[in-house]
Amino acid sequence: MENYYEVLMQDVRFEEGLNACMNCGVCTAICPAAEFYNYDPRKIVDIVQTKDNNQIVELLKSEEIWYCGECMSCKTRCPRGNAPGLIIMALRSISQDLGYFVESEKGRQQLALKRTVGQWILDHGYCLYLEGVGTSLHPEQGPVWDWIQENWKALFKRLGGNYQGDGPGILRKIPEEAMEEIRTIFEVTGGRARFEKIEEFSRRKAGELNMQLDDGIDNEYFRHIYKTDNKRHTRS
């Protein structure tokens, strides 16, 4: 087994995020996620500081590293200049690269993010591609949203937008030159390789669960990870 503390040390976010935690708990006290989730950023930093490989592996498989919203409130309050949010970013990256993310319910949802937000960025240049947010996945949007989806162009013209048009304006079509630049950034920074890892390990997990996983979002495994909630994530 690799020494995962040493792997963490190679991530600049970890290097910048961990100086010397004294377990004061200020990060947990200020953390919005800790108020609602069964989540304690102080505990995560404490575990990492032990350099205990087995405990770090359990973190990589855990629900806890996916609760952080990366608001970085922890960074602004820590008296020692630590940033648990950055440490958690580094832990998430290792979890994705090594496939540990599929061992937790929240971790498995990385595939849903990759196939929606991630793919929208690569295909359209928008992290929120409105045509993808239909009531089949978001029924809470209601019938008004169905009407909006059928009348995009006219509606956003009235609001001053440039829906899928050339030139400037909100919701404009992103020029192909810019799209190629976005895709190159993903390639050079390793983002595309990480997407491939998420796909690879998700397919393995779907096989273990005897679930269908095809391309896109209309398949058994995607619906499972998107809708399943074990009701153990939030504080009682």
Protein backbone atom coordinates (compact mmCIF):
# COMPACT_ATOMS: atom_id res chain seq x y z
CA MET A 1 0.00 0.00 0.00
CA GLU A 2 1.26 3.48 -0.84
CA ASN A 3 2.09 5.95 1.90
CA TYR A 4 -0.89 8.25 1.43
CA TYR A 5 0.47 10.98 3.66
CA GLU A 6 3.43 11.28 1.30
CA VAL A 7 1.02 11.33 -1.65
CA LEU A 8 -0.88 14.15 0.04
CA MET A 9 2.37 16.04 0.55
CA GLN A 10 2.80 16.20 -3.23
CA ASP A 11 -0.42 18.19 -3.59
CA VAL A 12 0.15 21.96 -3.34
CA ARG A 13 -3.28 22.37 -1.75
CA PHE A 14 -2.27 20.08 1.10
CA GLU A 15 1.06 21.87 1.48
CA GLU A 16 -0.73 25.20 1.76
CA GLY A 17 -3.61 23.85 3.84
CA LEU A 18 -1.79 22.18 6.72
CA ASN A 19 0.69 24.04 8.89
CA ALA A 20 0.25 22.82 12.45
CA CYS A 21 -3.21 22.06 13.77
CA MET A 22 -3.57 22.41 17.55
CA ASN A 23 -7.11 20.95 17.62
CA CYS A 24 -8.79 24.10 18.87
CA GLY A 25 -11.95 23.28 16.90
CA VAL A 26 -12.52 26.79 15.53
CA CYS A 27 -12.84 25.37 12.00
CA THR A 28 -15.70 23.13 13.10
CA ALA A 29 -17.37 25.94 15.05
CA ILE A 30 -17.44 28.22 11.99
CA CYS A 31 -18.18 25.51 9.39
CA PRO A 32 -21.67 25.79 7.82
CA ALA A 33 -21.57 22.12 6.76
CA ALA A 34 -20.76 20.96 10.30
CA GLU A 35 -23.97 22.58 11.52
CA PHE A 36 -26.07 20.22 9.42
CA TYR A 37 -23.96 17.18 8.48
CA ASN A 38 -22.31 14.55 10.64
CA TYR A 39 -19.08 16.30 9.82
CA ASP A 40 -16.12 17.63 11.78
CA PRO A 41 -13.26 19.25 9.81
CA ARG A 42 -11.13 19.35 12.97
CA LYS A 43 -11.34 15.58 13.21
CA ILE A 44 -10.33 15.16 9.55
CA VAL A 45 -7.24 17.32 10.03
CA ASP A 46 -6.42 15.45 13.24
CA ILE A 47 -6.56 12.09 11.43
CA VAL A 48 -4.34 13.33 8.61
CA GLN A 49 -1.79 14.63 11.10
CA THR A 50 -1.38 11.16 12.60
CA LYS A 51 0.06 10.05 9.22
CA ASP A 52 -1.59 6.71 9.92
CA ASN A 53 -2.12 5.06 6.54
CA ASN A 54 -5.09 2.93 7.59
CA GLN A 55 -6.95 5.90 9.03
CA ILE A 56 -6.26 7.98 5.93
CA VAL A 57 -7.60 5.16 3.73
CA GLU A 58 -10.80 5.16 5.79
CA LEU A 59 -11.07 8.90 5.16
CA LEU A 60 -10.67 8.33 1.42
CA LYS A 61 -13.57 5.85 1.56
CA SER A 62 -15.71 7.98 3.84
CA GLU A 63 -18.78 10.16 3.41
CA GLU A 64 -17.18 12.97 5.42
CA ILE A 65 -14.77 14.29 2.78
CA TRP A 66 -17.72 14.99 0.46
CA TYR A 67 -19.68 17.13 2.91
CA CYS A 68 -17.40 20.17 2.65
CA GLY A 69 -18.83 22.99 0.51
CA GLU A 70 -15.37 24.59 0.06
CA CYS A 71 -16.56 27.97 1.37
CA MET A 72 -13.15 28.32 3.08
CA SER A 73 -14.61 29.83 6.25
CA CYS A 74 -12.16 27.56 8.07
CA LYS A 75 -9.22 29.37 6.48
CA THR A 76 -10.41 32.76 7.65
CA ARG A 77 -10.72 31.69 11.30
CA CYS A 78 -7.87 29.26 11.95
CA PRO A 79 -5.33 30.79 14.39
CA ARG A 80 -2.55 28.67 12.86
CA GLY A 81 -3.36 29.48 9.23
CA ASN A 82 -4.61 26.02 8.31
CA ALA A 83 -7.21 25.46 5.61
CA PRO A 84 -9.12 22.20 6.15
CA GLY A 85 -11.00 22.91 2.92
CA LEU A 86 -7.76 22.62 0.94
CA ILE A 87 -6.80 19.43 2.77
CA ILE A 88 -10.18 17.97 1.85
CA MET A 89 -9.65 18.94 -1.81
CA ALA A 90 -6.42 16.93 -1.79
CA LEU A 91 -8.14 13.97 -0.11
CA ARG A 92 -10.93 14.04 -2.70
CA SER A 93 -8.45 14.00 -5.56
CA ILE A 94 -6.69 10.91 -4.23
CA SER A 95 -10.04 9.23 -3.56
CA GLN A 96 -11.08 9.81 -7.17
CA ASP A 97 -7.76 8.74 -8.66
CA LEU A 98 -7.60 5.51 -6.66
CA GLY A 99 -11.29 4.62 -6.79
CA TYR A 100 -12.02 4.87 -3.07
CA PHE A 101 -14.85 7.34 -3.76
CA VAL A 102 -17.19 4.53 -4.85
CA GLU A 103 -17.19 3.14 -1.30
CA SER A 104 -19.44 5.93 0.01
CA GLU A 105 -22.87 7.12 -1.02
CA LYS A 106 -21.80 10.74 -1.46
CA GLY A 107 -18.60 9.66 -3.18
CA ARG A 108 -20.49 7.66 -5.80
CA GLN A 109 -22.35 10.83 -6.72
CA GLN A 110 -19.13 12.09 -8.31
CA LEU A 111 -20.23 10.30 -11.46
CA ALA A 112 -23.45 12.32 -11.52
CA LEU A 113 -21.47 15.55 -11.22
CA LYS A 114 -19.06 14.44 -13.92
CA ARG A 115 -21.84 13.54 -16.35
CA THR A 116 -23.80 16.75 -15.74
CA VAL A 117 -21.72 19.76 -14.65
CA GLY A 118 -18.41 18.35 -15.92
CA GLN A 119 -19.75 17.34 -19.31
CA TRP A 120 -21.69 20.59 -19.71
CA ILE A 121 -18.46 22.55 -19.29
CA LEU A 122 -16.70 20.48 -21.97
CA ASP A 123 -19.67 20.49 -24.37
CA HIS A 124 -21.13 23.96 -23.88
CA GLY A 125 -18.74 26.04 -21.77
CA TYR A 126 -21.28 26.40 -18.94
CA CYS A 127 -21.15 24.62 -15.58
CA LEU A 128 -24.91 25.10 -15.41
CA TYR A 129 -26.42 24.25 -18.77
CA LEU A 130 -30.07 25.12 -18.34
CA GLU A 131 -31.38 22.67 -20.93
CA GLY A 132 -29.93 19.88 -18.78
CA VAL A 133 -31.85 20.90 -15.68
CA GLY A 134 -35.21 19.43 -16.59
CA THR A 135 -38.00 18.33 -14.31
CA SER A 136 -37.14 14.67 -14.89
CA LEU A 137 -34.11 15.20 -12.61
CA HIS A 138 -35.43 18.21 -10.72
CA PRO A 139 -39.20 17.74 -10.26
CA GLU A 140 -39.17 20.52 -7.66
CA GLN A 141 -38.87 23.02 -10.55
CA GLY A 142 -42.51 22.35 -11.41
CA PRO A 143 -44.61 23.01 -14.53
CA VAL A 144 -43.42 26.62 -14.89
CA TRP A 145 -39.94 25.28 -15.61
CA ASP A 146 -41.35 22.98 -18.29
CA TRP A 147 -42.84 26.06 -19.95
CA ILE A 148 -39.56 27.95 -19.68
CA GLN A 149 -37.69 25.06 -21.31
CA GLU A 150 -40.06 25.22 -24.26
CA ASN A 151 -39.67 28.98 -24.66
CA TRP A 152 -36.00 29.72 -23.97
CA LYS A 153 -35.28 32.05 -26.86
CA ALA A 154 -38.33 34.30 -26.55
CA LEU A 155 -38.12 34.44 -22.77
CA PHE A 156 -34.46 35.41 -22.49
CA LYS A 157 -34.78 37.91 -25.34
CA ARG A 158 -37.33 39.76 -23.21
CA LEU A 159 -34.90 39.64 -20.29
CA GLY A 160 -32.06 41.08 -22.36
CA GLY A 161 -30.17 37.84 -22.88
CA ASN A 162 -28.52 36.47 -26.00
CA TYR A 163 -29.64 32.87 -25.77
CA GLN A 164 -27.31 30.70 -27.90
CA GLY A 165 -26.52 33.74 -30.02
CA ASP A 166 -23.19 35.01 -31.31
CA GLY A 167 -21.44 37.90 -29.62
CA PRO A 168 -21.79 39.11 -26.01
CA GLY A 169 -24.69 38.63 -23.63
CA ILE A 170 -25.85 36.19 -20.99
CA LEU A 171 -26.41 32.60 -22.14
CA ARG A 172 -24.58 33.36 -25.40
CA LYS A 173 -23.07 30.56 -27.43
CA ILE A 174 -19.45 30.09 -26.39
CA PRO A 175 -17.18 30.43 -29.48
CA GLU A 176 -15.47 27.24 -30.61
CA GLU A 177 -12.06 28.85 -30.09
CA ALA A 178 -12.88 29.36 -26.42
CA MET A 179 -14.29 25.83 -26.16
CA GLU A 180 -11.04 24.40 -27.49
CA GLU A 181 -9.16 26.41 -24.87
CA ILE A 182 -11.39 25.02 -22.11
CA ARG A 183 -10.82 21.45 -23.32
CA THR A 184 -7.08 22.05 -23.49
CA ILE A 185 -7.07 23.29 -19.89
CA PHE A 186 -8.84 20.10 -18.81
CA GLU A 187 -6.31 18.02 -20.74
CA VAL A 188 -3.19 19.79 -19.46
CA THR A 189 -4.27 19.97 -15.82
CA GLY A 190 -5.31 16.30 -15.67
CA GLY A 191 -9.02 17.04 -15.42
CA ARG A 192 -9.92 14.82 -18.34
CA ALA A 193 -7.79 11.97 -16.97
CA ARG A 194 -9.62 12.29 -13.65
CA PHE A 195 -12.96 12.16 -15.44
CA GLU A 196 -11.84 8.92 -17.05
CA LYS A 197 -10.93 7.53 -13.62
CA ILE A 198 -14.36 8.43 -12.28
CA GLU A 199 -15.95 6.60 -15.20
CA GLU A 200 -13.68 3.58 -14.83
CA PHE A 201 -14.26 3.02 -11.13
CA SER A 202 -17.98 3.80 -11.39
CA ARG A 203 -18.38 1.09 -14.04
CA ARG A 204 -16.62 -1.36 -11.76
CA LYS A 205 -18.93 -0.46 -8.88
CA ALA A 206 -22.00 -0.75 -11.09
CA GLY A 207 -20.81 -4.24 -12.01
CA GLU A 208 -20.41 -5.16 -8.35
CA LEU A 209 -23.98 -3.99 -7.70
CA ASN A 210 -25.29 -5.76 -10.83
CA MET A 211 -26.60 -2.44 -12.16
CA GLN A 212 -26.75 -1.17 -15.71
CA LEU A 213 -24.43 1.76 -16.46
CA ASP A 214 -24.54 3.09 -20.01
CA ASP A 215 -23.49 6.47 -21.35
CA GLY A 216 -25.50 9.52 -20.33
CA ILE A 217 -27.87 9.84 -17.40
CA ASP A 218 -30.74 7.55 -18.37
CA ASN A 219 -29.55 4.30 -16.83
CA GLU A 220 -30.02 2.30 -13.66
CA TYR A 221 -26.76 3.12 -11.87
CA PHE A 222 -27.00 6.85 -12.52
CA ARG A 223 -30.56 6.97 -11.19
CA HIS A 224 -29.45 4.96 -8.16
CA ILE A 225 -26.61 7.27 -7.14
CA TYR A 226 -28.66 10.35 -7.97
CA LYS A 227 -31.68 9.47 -5.85
CA THR A 228 -30.44 7.18 -3.07
CA ASP A 229 -30.28 8.72 0.40
CA ASN A 230 -29.51 6.54 3.41
CA LYS A 231 -30.80 9.28 5.76
CA ARG A 232 -27.61 9.12 7.87
CA HIS A 233 -25.81 12.20 6.58
CA THR A 234 -27.39 15.00 8.59
CA ARG A 235 -27.51 15.62 12.31
CA SER A 236 -30.62 14.39 14.07
